[in-house]
Amino acid sequence: MPQKSTDRIFDEASGDVAVGDLDSAVEKYRRCVQLDPNFFDGWHALGMALMKLGRFEEAIEAGKRVFRCFITALATSRRPKPLAQKRKS
């Protein structure tokens, strides 16, 4: 059986949140970030679901991962040109 995609698992977890099954959502969001540790939306949704469950320390840790994902994305996609290339432009 093929492995479910991160997007599909995320969508199922979001559906769980919509019907109030936060424990199931947390389990699925955790699976998302295990499959893709840089999945910004997965970490964010995990943190929000944990917060709704009153699991604040875990939610804070997920929030820290959101921040790390954001910083990583900025660092890799908006890397400034080296000084030598700027002079040629």
C-alpha atoms as a PDB file:
ATOM      1  CA  MET A   1       0.000   0.000   0.000  1.00  0.00           C
ATOM      2  CA  PRO A   2       1.487   3.393  -0.970  1.00  0.00           C
ATOM      3  CA  GLN A   3       2.304   5.856   1.780  1.00  0.00           C
ATOM      4  CA  LYS A   4      -0.120   8.777   2.089  1.00  0.00           C
ATOM      5  CA  SER A   5       1.230  12.143   1.064  1.00  0.00           C
ATOM      6  CA  THR A   6       1.928  14.820   3.625  1.00  0.00           C
ATOM      7  CA  ASP A   7      -0.759  17.009   2.041  1.00  0.00           C
ATOM      8  CA  ARG A   8      -3.372  14.280   2.296  1.00  0.00           C
ATOM      9  CA  ILE A   9      -2.541  13.550   5.946  1.00  0.00           C
ATOM     10  CA  PHE A  10      -2.617  17.295   6.670  1.00  0.00           C
ATOM     11  CA  ASP A  11      -6.057  17.586   5.056  1.00  0.00           C
ATOM     12  CA  GLU A  12      -7.352  14.658   7.118  1.00  0.00           C
ATOM     13  CA  ALA A  13      -5.978  16.241  10.286  1.00  0.00           C
ATOM     14  CA  SER A  14      -7.654  19.539   9.422  1.00  0.00           C
ATOM     15  CA  GLY A  15     -10.916  17.635   8.997  1.00  0.00           C
ATOM     16  CA  ASP A  16     -10.422  16.141  12.446  1.00  0.00           C
ATOM     17  CA  VAL A  17     -10.022  19.632  13.878  1.00  0.00           C
ATOM     18  CA  ALA A  18     -13.231  20.724  12.140  1.00  0.00           C
ATOM     19  CA  VAL A  19     -15.210  17.959  13.873  1.00  0.00           C
ATOM     20  CA  GLY A  20     -13.486  18.476  17.219  1.00  0.00           C
ATOM     21  CA  ASP A  21     -11.263  15.382  17.251  1.00  0.00           C
ATOM     22  CA  LEU A  22      -8.123  17.200  18.331  1.00  0.00           C
ATOM     23  CA  ASP A  23      -6.280  14.123  19.594  1.00  0.00           C
ATOM     24  CA  SER A  24      -6.545  12.488  16.178  1.00  0.00           C
ATOM     25  CA  ALA A  25      -5.508  15.752  14.512  1.00  0.00           C
ATOM     26  CA  VAL A  26      -2.408  16.007  16.700  1.00  0.00           C
ATOM     27  CA  GLU A  27      -1.424  12.461  15.786  1.00  0.00           C
ATOM     28  CA  LYS A  28      -1.791  13.227  12.069  1.00  0.00           C
ATOM     29  CA  TYR A  29      -0.014  16.578  12.248  1.00  0.00           C
ATOM     30  CA  ARG A  30       2.859  14.845  14.040  1.00  0.00           C
ATOM     31  CA  ARG A  31       2.996  12.322  11.209  1.00  0.00           C
ATOM     32  CA  CYS A  32       3.191  15.196   8.707  1.00  0.00           C
ATOM     33  CA  VAL A  33       6.192  16.771  10.396  1.00  0.00           C
ATOM     34  CA  GLN A  34       7.875  13.378  10.774  1.00  0.00           C
ATOM     35  CA  LEU A  35       7.583  12.914   7.013  1.00  0.00           C
ATOM     36  CA  ASP A  36       8.691  16.484   6.290  1.00  0.00           C
ATOM     37  CA  PRO A  37      10.499  18.185   9.198  1.00  0.00           C
ATOM     38  CA  ASN A  38      10.431  21.520   7.298  1.00  0.00           C
ATOM     39  CA  PHE A  39       6.645  21.503   6.783  1.00  0.00           C
ATOM     40  CA  PHE A  40       5.784  24.982   8.071  1.00  0.00           C
ATOM     41  CA  ASP A  41       1.998  24.497   7.948  1.00  0.00           C
ATOM     42  CA  GLY A  42       2.281  21.134   9.693  1.00  0.00           C
ATOM     43  CA  TRP A  43       4.204  22.571  12.624  1.00  0.00           C
ATOM     44  CA  HIS A  44       1.876  25.561  12.844  1.00  0.00           C
ATOM     45  CA  ALA A  45      -1.276  23.429  12.826  1.00  0.00           C
ATOM     46  CA  LEU A  46       0.260  21.012  15.335  1.00  0.00           C
ATOM     47  CA  GLY A  47       1.017  23.895  17.687  1.00  0.00           C
ATOM     48  CA  MET A  48      -2.500  25.289  17.379  1.00  0.00           C
ATOM     49  CA  ALA A  49      -4.125  21.892  18.034  1.00  0.00           C
ATOM     50  CA  LEU A  50      -1.878  21.313  21.041  1.00  0.00           C
ATOM     51  CA  MET A  51      -2.750  24.751  22.372  1.00  0.00           C
ATOM     52  CA  LYS A  52      -6.473  23.998  22.051  1.00  0.00           C
ATOM     53  CA  LEU A  53      -5.869  20.832  24.080  1.00  0.00           C
ATOM     54  CA  GLY A  54      -4.119  22.833  26.792  1.00  0.00           C
ATOM     55  CA  ARG A  55      -0.769  21.179  26.071  1.00  0.00           C
ATOM     56  CA  PHE A  56       1.063  24.477  26.153  1.00  0.00           C
ATOM     57  CA  GLU A  57       4.671  23.298  26.535  1.00  0.00           C
ATOM     58  CA  GLU A  58       4.332  21.047  23.489  1.00  0.00           C
ATOM     59  CA  ALA A  59       2.591  23.860  21.609  1.00  0.00           C
ATOM     60  CA  ILE A  60       5.476  26.215  22.368  1.00  0.00           C
ATOM     61  CA  GLU A  61       7.971  23.658  21.070  1.00  0.00           C
ATOM     62  CA  ALA A  62       5.957  23.316  17.855  1.00  0.00           C
ATOM     63  CA  GLY A  63       5.911  27.119  17.602  1.00  0.00           C
ATOM     64  CA  LYS A  64       9.689  27.175  17.848  1.00  0.00           C
ATOM     65  CA  ARG A  65       9.855  24.744  14.952  1.00  0.00           C
ATOM     66  CA  VAL A  66       7.560  27.032  12.924  1.00  0.00           C
ATOM     67  CA  PHE A  67      10.016  29.859  13.492  1.00  0.00           C
ATOM     68  CA  ARG A  68      12.985  27.659  12.487  1.00  0.00           C
ATOM     69  CA  CYS A  69      11.195  26.598   9.298  1.00  0.00           C
ATOM     70  CA  PHE A  70      10.532  30.238   8.460  1.00  0.00           C
ATOM     71  CA  ILE A  71      14.145  31.256   9.050  1.00  0.00           C
ATOM     72  CA  THR A  72      15.398  28.302   6.992  1.00  0.00           C
ATOM     73  CA  ALA A  73      13.082  29.214   4.127  1.00  0.00           C
ATOM     74  CA  LEU A  74      14.297  32.811   4.181  1.00  0.00           C
ATOM     75  CA  ALA A  75      17.929  31.772   4.342  1.00  0.00           C
ATOM     76  CA  THR A  76      17.678  29.386   1.417  1.00  0.00           C
ATOM     77  CA  SER A  77      15.427  31.337  -0.914  1.00  0.00           C
ATOM     78  CA  ARG A  78      16.576  34.900  -0.367  1.00  0.00           C
ATOM     79  CA  ARG A  79      20.296  34.445  -0.023  1.00  0.00           C
ATOM     80  CA  PRO A  80      22.008  37.714  -0.970  1.00  0.00           C
ATOM     81  CA  LYS A  81      24.390  37.722  -3.924  1.00  0.00           C
ATOM     82  CA  PRO A  82      28.080  37.604  -3.035  1.00  0.00           C
ATOM     83  CA  LEU A  83      29.745  41.042  -3.131  1.00  0.00           C
ATOM     84  CA  ALA A  84      31.667  40.219  -6.335  1.00  0.00           C
ATOM     85  CA  GLN A  85      28.416  39.529  -8.212  1.00  0.00           C
ATOM     86  CA  LYS A  86      26.864  42.766  -6.951  1.00  0.00           C
ATOM     87  CA  ARG A  87      29.745  44.795  -8.412  1.00  0.00           C
ATOM     88  CA  LYS A  88      29.227  43.257 -11.874  1.00  0.00           C
ATOM     89  CA  SER A  89      25.504  44.102 -11.927  1.00  0.00           C
END
